[in-house]
Structures are given as structure tokens and as C-alpha cells.
PDB file of N, CA and C in Angstrom:
ATOM      1  N   UNK A   1     262.281 -37.470-144.710  1.00  0.00           N
ATOM      2  CA  UNK A   1     261.518 -37.506-143.485  1.00  0.00           C
ATOM      3  C   UNK A   1     261.075 -38.932-143.191  1.00  0.00           C
ATOM      4  N   UNK A   2     261.260 -39.354-141.963  1.00  0.00           N
ATOM      5  CA  UNK A   2     260.839 -40.704-141.591  1.00  0.00           C
ATOM      6  C   UNK A   2     259.631 -40.633-140.681  1.00  0.00           C
ATOM      7  N   UNK A   3     258.946 -41.719-140.582  1.00  0.00           N
ATOM      8  CA  UNK A   3     257.754 -41.794-139.755  1.00  0.00           C
ATOM      9  C   UNK A   3     258.018 -42.686-138.545  1.00  0.00           C
ATOM     10  N   UNK A   4     259.194 -42.569-137.951  1.00  0.00           N
ATOM     11  CA  UNK A   4     259.558 -43.398-136.812  1.00  0.00           C
ATOM     12  C   UNK A   4     259.223 -42.694-135.510  1.00  0.00           C
ATOM     13  N   UNK A   5     258.831 -43.470-134.519  1.00  0.00           N
ATOM     14  CA  UNK A   5     258.621 -42.910-133.188  1.00  0.00           C
ATOM     15  C   UNK A   5     259.972 -42.753-132.522  1.00  0.00           C
ATOM     16  N   UNK A   6     260.120 -41.707-131.771  1.00  0.00           N
ATOM     17  CA  UNK A   6     261.350 -41.518-131.028  1.00  0.00           C
ATOM     18  C   UNK A   6     261.403 -42.459-129.847  1.00  0.00           C
ATOM     19  N   UNK A   7     262.584 -42.724-129.369  1.00  0.00           N
ATOM     20  CA  UNK A   7     262.745 -43.635-128.239  1.00  0.00           C
ATOM     21  C   UNK A   7     262.103 -43.065-126.981  1.00  0.00           C
ATOM     22  N   UNK A   8     261.933 -41.751-126.925  1.00  0.00           N
ATOM     23  CA  UNK A   8     261.379 -41.131-125.728  1.00  0.00           C
ATOM     24  C   UNK A   8     259.863 -40.981-125.784  1.00  0.00           C
ATOM     25  N   UNK A   9     259.224 -41.454-126.842  1.00  0.00           N
ATOM     26  CA  UNK A   9     257.771 -41.348-126.952  1.00  0.00           C
ATOM     27  C   UNK A   9     257.115 -42.257-125.918  1.00  0.00           C
ATOM     28  N   UNK A  10     256.323 -41.665-125.015  1.00  0.00           N
ATOM     29  CA  UNK A  10     255.691 -42.497-123.975  1.00  0.00           C
ATOM     30  C   UNK A  10     254.585 -43.375-124.566  1.00  0.00           C
ATOM     31  N   UNK A  11     254.417 -44.529-123.981  1.00  0.00           N
ATOM     32  CA  UNK A  11     253.361 -45.441-124.416  1.00  0.00           C
ATOM     33  C   UNK A  11     252.046 -45.010-123.778  1.00  0.00           C
ATOM     34  N   UNK A  12     250.967 -45.063-124.547  1.00  0.00           N
ATOM     35  CA  UNK A  12     249.664 -44.743-123.975  1.00  0.00           C
ATOM     36  C   UNK A  12     248.964 -46.041-123.587  1.00  0.00           C
ATOM     37  N   UNK A  13     248.070 -45.932-122.625  1.00  0.00           N
ATOM     38  CA  UNK A  13     247.326 -47.097-122.172  1.00  0.00           C
ATOM     39  C   UNK A  13     246.469 -47.661-123.305  1.00  0.00           C
ATOM     40  N   UNK A  14     245.953 -46.792-124.159  1.00  0.00           N
ATOM     41  CA  UNK A  14     245.113 -47.244-125.272  1.00  0.00           C
ATOM     42  C   UNK A  14     245.928 -48.094-126.243  1.00  0.00           C
ATOM     43  N   UNK A  15     247.137 -47.639-126.579  1.00  0.00           N
ATOM     44  CA  UNK A  15     247.957 -48.400-127.525  1.00  0.00           C
ATOM     45  C   UNK A  15     248.388 -49.744-126.944  1.00  0.00           C
ATOM     46  N   UNK A  16     248.689 -49.775-125.658  1.00  0.00           N
ATOM     47  CA  UNK A  16     249.074 -51.031-125.002  1.00  0.00           C
ATOM     48  C   UNK A  16     247.885 -51.990-124.983  1.00  0.00           C
ATOM     49  N   UNK A  17     246.705 -51.469-124.655  1.00  0.00           N
ATOM     50  CA  UNK A  17     245.503 -52.309-124.607  1.00  0.00           C
ATOM     51  C   UNK A  17     245.190 -52.913-125.973  1.00  0.00           C
ATOM     52  N   UNK A  18     245.313 -52.116-127.022  1.00  0.00           N
ATOM     53  CA  UNK A  18     245.034 -52.614-128.373  1.00  0.00           C
ATOM     54  C   UNK A  18     246.080 -53.624-128.818  1.00  0.00           C
ATOM     55  N   UNK A  19     247.351 -53.319-128.563  1.00  0.00           N
ATOM     56  CA  UNK A  19     248.421 -54.195-129.031  1.00  0.00           C
ATOM     57  C   UNK A  19     248.336 -55.582-128.399  1.00  0.00           C
ATOM     58  N   UNK A  20     248.069 -55.641-127.093  1.00  0.00           N
ATOM     59  CA  UNK A  20     248.073 -56.920-126.390  1.00  0.00           C
ATOM     60  C   UNK A  20     246.667 -57.478-126.147  1.00  0.00           C
ATOM     61  N   UNK A  21     245.662 -56.776-126.652  1.00  0.00           N
ATOM     62  CA  UNK A  21     244.266 -57.199-126.498  1.00  0.00           C
ATOM     63  C   UNK A  21     243.908 -57.457-125.048  1.00  0.00           C
ATOM     64  N   UNK A  22     244.201 -56.455-124.226  1.00  0.00           N
ATOM     65  CA  UNK A  22     243.837 -56.497-122.807  1.00  0.00           C
ATOM     66  C   UNK A  22     242.877 -55.340-122.548  1.00  0.00           C
ATOM     67  N   UNK A  23     242.256 -55.332-121.373  1.00  0.00           N
ATOM     68  CA  UNK A  23     241.312 -54.260-121.075  1.00  0.00           C
ATOM     69  C   UNK A  23     242.056 -52.939-120.873  1.00  0.00           C
ATOM     70  N   UNK A  24     241.345 -51.859-121.138  1.00  0.00           N
ATOM     71  CA  UNK A  24     241.921 -50.534-120.971  1.00  0.00           C
ATOM     72  C   UNK A  24     242.281 -50.289-119.501  1.00  0.00           C
ATOM     73  N   UNK A  25     241.474 -50.813-118.604  1.00  0.00           N
ATOM     74  CA  UNK A  25     241.754 -50.644-117.173  1.00  0.00           C
ATOM     75  C   UNK A  25     243.069 -51.316-116.787  1.00  0.00           C
ATOM     76  N   UNK A  26     243.283 -52.537-117.292  1.00  0.00           N
ATOM     77  CA  UNK A  26     244.538 -53.240-117.018  1.00  0.00           C
ATOM     78  C   UNK A  26     245.721 -52.472-117.599  1.00  0.00           C
ATOM     79  N   UNK A  27     245.546 -51.957-118.803  1.00  0.00           N
ATOM     80  CA  UNK A  27     246.622 -51.206-119.448  1.00  0.00           C
ATOM     81  C   UNK A  27     246.952 -49.928-118.676  1.00  0.00           C
ATOM     82  N   UNK A  28     245.934 -49.259-118.163  1.00  0.00           N
ATOM     83  CA  UNK A  28     246.159 -48.037-117.375  1.00  0.00           C
ATOM     84  C   UNK A  28     246.964 -48.346-116.117  1.00  0.00           C
ATOM     85  N   UNK A  29     246.639 -49.456-115.478  1.00  0.00           N
ATOM     86  CA  UNK A  29     247.366 -49.855-114.267  1.00  0.00           C
ATOM     87  C   UNK A  29     248.829 -50.147-114.601  1.00  0.00           C
ATOM     88  N   UNK A  30     249.057 -50.860-115.689  1.00  0.00           N
ATOM     89  CA  UNK A  30     250.425 -51.209-116.100  1.00  0.00           C
ATOM     90  C   UNK A  30     251.236 -49.957-116.399  1.00  0.00           C
ATOM     91  N   UNK A  31     250.657 -49.038-117.181  1.00  0.00           N
ATOM     92  CA  UNK A  31     251.372 -47.811-117.553  1.00  0.00           C
ATOM     93  C   UNK A  31     251.645 -46.958-116.312  1.00  0.00           C
ATOM     94  N   UNK A  32     250.674 -46.863-115.411  1.00  0.00           N
ATOM     95  CA  UNK A  32     250.873 -46.086-114.188  1.00  0.00           C
ATOM     96  C   UNK A  32     251.948 -46.715-113.309  1.00  0.00           C
ATOM     97  N   UNK A  33     251.977 -48.031-113.256  1.00  0.00           N
ATOM     98  CA  UNK A  33     252.931 -48.752-112.412  1.00  0.00           C
ATOM     99  C   UNK A  33     254.358 -48.649-112.932  1.00  0.00           C
ATOM    100  N   UNK A  34     254.528 -48.720-114.251  1.00  0.00           N
ATOM    101  CA  UNK A  34     255.874 -48.787-114.833  1.00  0.00           C
ATOM    102  C   UNK A  34     256.362 -47.473-115.429  1.00  0.00           C
ATOM    103  N   UNK A  35     255.504 -46.472-115.507  1.00  0.00           N
ATOM    104  CA  UNK A  35     255.921 -45.151-115.988  1.00  0.00           C
ATOM    105  C   UNK A  35     256.449 -45.175-117.409  1.00  0.00           C
ATOM    106  N   UNK A  36     257.683 -44.709-117.606  1.00  0.00           N
ATOM    107  CA  UNK A  36     258.275 -44.595-118.941  1.00  0.00           C
ATOM    108  C   UNK A  36     259.082 -45.816-119.360  1.00  0.00           C
ATOM    109  N   UNK A  37     259.090 -46.861-118.553  1.00  0.00           N
ATOM    110  CA  UNK A  37     259.883 -48.048-118.860  1.00  0.00           C
ATOM    111  C   UNK A  37     259.126 -48.948-119.841  1.00  0.00           C
ATOM    112  N   UNK A  38     259.352 -48.723-121.136  1.00  0.00           N
ATOM    113  CA  UNK A  38     258.612 -49.444-122.175  1.00  0.00           C
ATOM    114  C   UNK A  38     258.831 -50.947-122.093  1.00  0.00           C
ATOM    115  N   UNK A  39     260.042 -51.355-121.795  1.00  0.00           N
ATOM    116  CA  UNK A  39     260.339 -52.788-121.717  1.00  0.00           C
ATOM    117  C   UNK A  39     259.503 -53.451-120.620  1.00  0.00           C
ATOM    118  N   UNK A  40     259.403 -52.813-119.475  1.00  0.00           N
ATOM    119  CA  UNK A  40     258.621 -53.353-118.364  1.00  0.00           C
ATOM    120  C   UNK A  40     257.127 -53.345-118.685  1.00  0.00           C
ATOM    121  N   UNK A  41     256.673 -52.322-119.389  1.00  0.00           N
ATOM    122  CA  UNK A  41     255.258 -52.242-119.785  1.00  0.00           C
ATOM    123  C   UNK A  41     254.912 -53.404-120.707  1.00  0.00           C
ATOM    124  N   UNK A  42     255.751 -53.636-121.706  1.00  0.00           N
ATOM    125  CA  UNK A  42     255.492 -54.731-122.639  1.00  0.00           C
ATOM    126  C   UNK A  42     255.525 -56.085-121.930  1.00  0.00           C
ATOM    127  N   UNK A  43     256.458 -56.254-121.031  1.00  0.00           N
ATOM    128  CA  UNK A  43     256.577 -57.519-120.300  1.00  0.00           C
ATOM    129  C   UNK A  43     255.330 -57.770-119.454  1.00  0.00           C
ATOM    130  N   UNK A  44     254.875 -56.751-118.737  1.00  0.00           N
ATOM    131  CA  UNK A  44     253.698 -56.893-117.891  1.00  0.00           C
ATOM    132  C   UNK A  44     252.439 -57.147-118.730  1.00  0.00           C
ATOM    133  N   UNK A  45     252.333 -56.472-119.862  1.00  0.00           N
ATOM    134  CA  UNK A  45     251.170 -56.662-120.727  1.00  0.00           C
ATOM    135  C   UNK A  45     251.141 -58.067-121.316  1.00  0.00           C
ATOM    136  N   UNK A  46     252.314 -58.579-121.673  1.00  0.00           N
ATOM    137  CA  UNK A  46     252.382 -59.952-122.206  1.00  0.00           C
ATOM    138  C   UNK A  46     251.934 -60.948-121.151  1.00  0.00           C
ATOM    139  N   UNK A  47     252.287 -60.701-119.891  1.00  0.00           N
ATOM    140  CA  UNK A  47     251.883 -61.622-118.819  1.00  0.00           C
ATOM    141  C   UNK A  47     250.366 -61.666-118.683  1.00  0.00           C
ATOM    142  N   UNK A  48     249.736 -60.520-118.768  1.00  0.00           N
ATOM    143  CA  UNK A  48     248.272 -60.470-118.623  1.00  0.00           C
ATOM    144  C   UNK A  48     247.602 -61.085-119.838  1.00  0.00           C
ATOM    145  N   UNK A  49     248.148 -60.822-121.021  1.00  0.00           N
ATOM    146  CA  UNK A  49     247.531 -61.311-122.252  1.00  0.00           C
ATOM    147  C   UNK A  49     247.633 -62.829-122.391  1.00  0.00           C
ATOM    148  N   UNK A  50     248.609 -63.428-121.763  1.00  0.00           N
ATOM    149  CA  UNK A  50     248.825 -64.876-121.911  1.00  0.00           C
ATOM    150  C   UNK A  50     247.786 -65.686-121.166  1.00  0.00           C
TER     151      UNK A  50
END
């Protein structure tokens, strides 16, 4: 048994906010804007965190 996340696991705003050290409100906006596109979510979060 492995402890890997599946590729289809949606990102939560809380996990994005913690990972990139951004506000929860910003993370919620990013997740709502980009939906299930993890690559776009990470890119947008990196822009805000920089």
C-alpha cells in the first residue's frame, strides 16, 4: 500500500495557502478561478507568494 495522492485529487485552498504562505482568501480565489487545473493553481500561487 502506498501513501500517494492520486492525480485526480483536488487541491484545497487551505493546502495551497499553507504551501505558498499566502492568505486563505487569496488561495480560495485562486482555486475558484482555476478549478481542477493544479498546474495553473501552483503557478498563480507562486506569483502571489513572490
